[in-house]
């Protein structure tokens, strides 16, 4: 089914330099008549809607993106890798040297996720360890999904409504679990 009046924009780490670009994209969506909503509301109206999603759970989100969204009263959906929450090592440790790392490269803390959840940000699952679910056994894949959901529920008080497949890989097993 094609939904020509629905747009989903996906981001990872935006950075301070990317904020003007994000702000321009938001202005453009508004000028085109799109209402920006969290993912859990995208199909609840016939009105043109747009969703801003952010993968992985970089601290960049609360430091750089969230102030802009809050200023303009815009919701978003944040997909977190639950195994990284509260850790002190960068999420992108394979691509950034330790001398180039700053606080925005670190994962969000549980307290930050709880704060975001209470302020218009939908928290969605992105697995526990960012595993490619299609490369895991059925038991391992289901454990990844259940662990992620349980941690998000514990932090936010609500089971996640939405989910983003790591690396975009999924299969019927993943889909069946998430349909429940």
Foldseek 3Di string as FASTA:
>chain_A
DDLPLEEEAEEEQQDQVNLVVVVVVVVVCVVVQEAEAEPVCRPVDNGRYYAYEYEAAFPSCVVPVVVVCVVVVHAHEYEHQAQQAPDDDFPPPVPDPPVRDDRRRGGHHLVVLQVSLVRRYQYAYAWNHLDQLVVDDLVVSVCRVVVRQVSSCVSHVDGHLDYDYRVNHDDPSNVVVNVD
